[in-house]
Amino acid sequence: MTQKNKTQKDEADTLPIITIPTQAEQDKAKAWLEFVRTLSPYEALVKAISECENVTASRINPHFKSRYFGLADLLAEIKPVLGRYGLAAFQVPCSNAERVWINTSIIHISGHIFNCGELGVNAAGLNQQNIGSVFTYLKRYALSTVVGVASELEDDDGHQASKPPVQAYQAKPIQTQQPKPKASGQWWIDLGLNTEASIKVATDILVNKGWLPDGAPLEALADAHQAELANPKMKLAFLEAVKSRLS
C-alpha cells in the first residue's frame, strides 16, 4: 500500500459513521414536528410543565443526613417531557467579584425564548474547589423551580411546611444587581432563614445533629458551630437540608 493510499484509509477510518434513519423513524420525526408546530410556545410550555413529575430524593446529604435529588436525576425526568413539546432548557453560569449566579431560559422550537431570570448567591468564601458545587446546586434549584418540580421526600419527623423556600436562594430579576447584604447579628437571618417554618426546621435539624440542646433557640448555637455553618460547603448542605424538609 502506498503512503497516499494509507493516508486515505486512515482518514476514512476516522470519519464518523452516519446511520440513515429508517422510513419508520423518518415518519415518526415528521409526525412529531407537525405536532409541535400546532402548539404555540405558551401552550407547549404549559403542557410540558403539567406533565413533569416530582423527582424521587435518592441521594444523601452526608452533613445533615437528609435526602435530595441531584441535577442528573432532575434532567432525566424533565428533558424528555420538554422535548416532547419542542422545548429545551439551557442555563448559563455567571460570576463577578461579589456574586455567582445562573441564568435559566426555556427555548421553543419556533425560536421563542422564555427568560426565567437568575438565581445566585454571595461569592464570599468561594474558591475553585467549591464553586462547581455551587453552580450545580443553583442549576438544579433554578430549573426545578421553573418547571414546578419538587422532591418526593418522606417527611420522617412530621414537619411539613407550605411556605416559600429559603429566601437566600430566591430568584432575582436579571436587570437587578442586589447589594451585598450586611450582617444582622443573627446568624440564621444572615443565611436567609427568616420565616417561622424555616427557623423551626433549622432548629430541629441542629437539635438532631447534637449542636443544640432540645428546646434551645437558634441564638444558643455555639460560636464554633456558627463558624462551621459560615463555610460555603457546609452552608449549602445546611440550607439544602432545610429546603428538603420544606418541600
Foldseek 3Di string as FASTA:
>chain_A
DDPVVVVVVVVVVPDDDDDDDDPVVVVVVVVLVVVLVVDDPVRLLVQLLVPQEAFAFPDALVVLRFTHDFPVRNCVRRVVSSVSNQKDKDKDWDDDPFKTKIWIWMAGNVGDIRGQAMWIATCPQDDPVCVVVVVRVRVRVSVCVSSVYAYPGDLVVPQEADDDAQPRGDGDHPVDDDDDDDDPVQLCVVLRQDDPSLQVLLVVSCCVVVQDPPPDGSVPGDPVVSVVCVNVVNVVSSSVRSRNRHD
